[in-house]
Amino acid sequence: MGTSKWIRQLHRWLSILFTVTVIANFVTMAMGQPPAWVVYSPLPPLFLLLFSGLYMFVLPYTAKARGGQSASR
């Protein structure tokens, strides 16, 4: 599996993890004051999503600079 495909797969799983942590955050807030680790648990996946998303955003532009190679491969 190439680096681009690996990053895409990681990005997909991180988005699932982020969604689950946000849902858990809202559920625990509905029950009362949640612990700090629950409140801040969505942040690590969010930052990883930022970096993987920026990588995928820049990928087509770097492929053009390398000689027109298709970024979808």
C-alpha atoms as a PDB file:
ATOM      1  CA  MET A   1       0.000   0.000   0.000  1.00  0.00           C
ATOM      2  CA  GLY A   2       1.438   3.387  -0.999  1.00  0.00           C
ATOM      3  CA  THR A   3       1.933   6.290   1.347  1.00  0.00           C
ATOM      4  CA  SER A   4      -1.015   8.228  -0.084  1.00  0.00           C
ATOM      5  CA  LYS A   5      -3.404   5.315   0.344  1.00  0.00           C
ATOM      6  CA  TRP A   6      -2.117   4.697   3.856  1.00  0.00           C
ATOM      7  CA  ILE A   7      -2.689   8.373   4.781  1.00  0.00           C
ATOM      8  CA  ARG A   8      -6.210   8.260   3.304  1.00  0.00           C
ATOM      9  CA  GLN A   9      -7.058   5.134   5.287  1.00  0.00           C
ATOM     10  CA  LEU A  10      -5.626   6.695   8.448  1.00  0.00           C
ATOM     11  CA  HIS A  11      -7.675   9.831   7.806  1.00  0.00           C
ATOM     12  CA  ARG A  12     -10.867   7.769   7.479  1.00  0.00           C
ATOM     13  CA  TRP A  13     -10.264   5.901  10.731  1.00  0.00           C
ATOM     14  CA  LEU A  14      -9.331   9.108  12.525  1.00  0.00           C
ATOM     15  CA  SER A  15     -12.593  10.692  11.415  1.00  0.00           C
ATOM     16  CA  ILE A  16     -14.510   7.755  12.876  1.00  0.00           C
ATOM     17  CA  LEU A  17     -12.547   8.019  16.122  1.00  0.00           C
ATOM     18  CA  PHE A  18     -13.120  11.781  16.267  1.00  0.00           C
ATOM     19  CA  THR A  19     -16.879  11.331  15.723  1.00  0.00           C
ATOM     20  CA  VAL A  20     -17.092   8.731  18.492  1.00  0.00           C
ATOM     21  CA  THR A  21     -15.213  10.948  20.954  1.00  0.00           C
ATOM     22  CA  VAL A  22     -17.455  13.937  20.172  1.00  0.00           C
ATOM     23  CA  ILE A  23     -20.581  11.825  20.677  1.00  0.00           C
ATOM     24  CA  ALA A  24     -19.177  10.492  23.953  1.00  0.00           C
ATOM     25  CA  ASN A  25     -18.425  14.059  24.967  1.00  0.00           C
ATOM     26  CA  PHE A  26     -22.042  15.159  24.410  1.00  0.00           C
ATOM     27  CA  VAL A  27     -23.419  12.091  26.182  1.00  0.00           C
ATOM     28  CA  THR A  28     -21.284  12.676  29.274  1.00  0.00           C
ATOM     29  CA  MET A  29     -22.137  16.394  29.283  1.00  0.00           C
ATOM     30  CA  ALA A  30     -25.828  15.489  29.304  1.00  0.00           C
ATOM     31  CA  MET A  31     -25.259  13.445  32.473  1.00  0.00           C
ATOM     32  CA  GLY A  32     -23.542  16.268  34.337  1.00  0.00           C
ATOM     33  CA  GLN A  33     -20.059  17.686  34.644  1.00  0.00           C
ATOM     34  CA  PRO A  34     -17.725  15.387  32.673  1.00  0.00           C
ATOM     35  CA  PRO A  35     -14.118  14.715  33.671  1.00  0.00           C
ATOM     36  CA  ALA A  36     -11.445  16.728  31.901  1.00  0.00           C
ATOM     37  CA  TRP A  37     -10.099  13.750  29.949  1.00  0.00           C
ATOM     38  CA  VAL A  38     -13.506  13.296  28.298  1.00  0.00           C
ATOM     39  CA  VAL A  39     -13.738  16.969  27.384  1.00  0.00           C
ATOM     40  CA  TYR A  40     -10.285  17.014  25.794  1.00  0.00           C
ATOM     41  CA  SER A  41     -10.423  13.534  24.217  1.00  0.00           C
ATOM     42  CA  PRO A  42     -11.522  14.798  20.751  1.00  0.00           C
ATOM     43  CA  LEU A  43      -8.438  17.014  20.415  1.00  0.00           C
ATOM     44  CA  PRO A  44      -5.723  14.432  19.537  1.00  0.00           C
ATOM     45  CA  PRO A  45      -7.743  12.898  16.668  1.00  0.00           C
ATOM     46  CA  LEU A  46      -8.675  16.400  15.519  1.00  0.00           C
ATOM     47  CA  PHE A  47      -5.041  17.495  15.256  1.00  0.00           C
ATOM     48  CA  LEU A  48      -4.113  14.278  13.447  1.00  0.00           C
ATOM     49  CA  LEU A  49      -7.036  14.880  11.075  1.00  0.00           C
ATOM     50  CA  LEU A  50      -5.687  18.373  10.447  1.00  0.00           C
ATOM     51  CA  PHE A  51      -2.259  17.110   9.449  1.00  0.00           C
ATOM     52  CA  SER A  52      -3.511  14.220   7.315  1.00  0.00           C
ATOM     53  CA  GLY A  53      -6.074  16.486   5.651  1.00  0.00           C
ATOM     54  CA  LEU A  54      -3.449  19.107   4.875  1.00  0.00           C
ATOM     55  CA  TYR A  55      -1.229  16.397   3.400  1.00  0.00           C
ATOM     56  CA  MET A  56      -4.029  15.199   1.150  1.00  0.00           C
ATOM     57  CA  PHE A  57      -4.870  18.792   0.193  1.00  0.00           C
ATOM     58  CA  VAL A  58      -1.301  19.537  -0.907  1.00  0.00           C
ATOM     59  CA  LEU A  59      -0.763  16.184  -2.652  1.00  0.00           C
ATOM     60  CA  PRO A  60      -2.217  17.146  -6.080  1.00  0.00           C
ATOM     61  CA  TYR A  61      -0.108  20.308  -6.194  1.00  0.00           C
ATOM     62  CA  THR A  62       3.093  18.460  -5.377  1.00  0.00           C
ATOM     63  CA  ALA A  63       2.261  15.817  -8.002  1.00  0.00           C
ATOM     64  CA  LYS A  64       1.975  18.549 -10.635  1.00  0.00           C
ATOM     65  CA  ALA A  65       5.337  19.952  -9.557  1.00  0.00           C
ATOM     66  CA  ARG A  66       6.937  16.500  -9.834  1.00  0.00           C
ATOM     67  CA  GLY A  67       5.968  16.182 -13.465  1.00  0.00           C
ATOM     68  CA  GLY A  68       2.230  15.736 -13.844  1.00  0.00           C
ATOM     69  CA  GLN A  69       1.946  12.383 -12.131  1.00  0.00           C
ATOM     70  CA  SER A  70      -1.649  11.621 -11.141  1.00  0.00           C
ATOM     71  CA  ALA A  71      -2.287  11.949  -7.407  1.00  0.00           C
ATOM     72  CA  SER A  72      -5.167   9.457  -7.458  1.00  0.00           C
ATOM     73  CA  ARG A  73      -2.902   6.436  -7.872  1.00  0.00           C
END
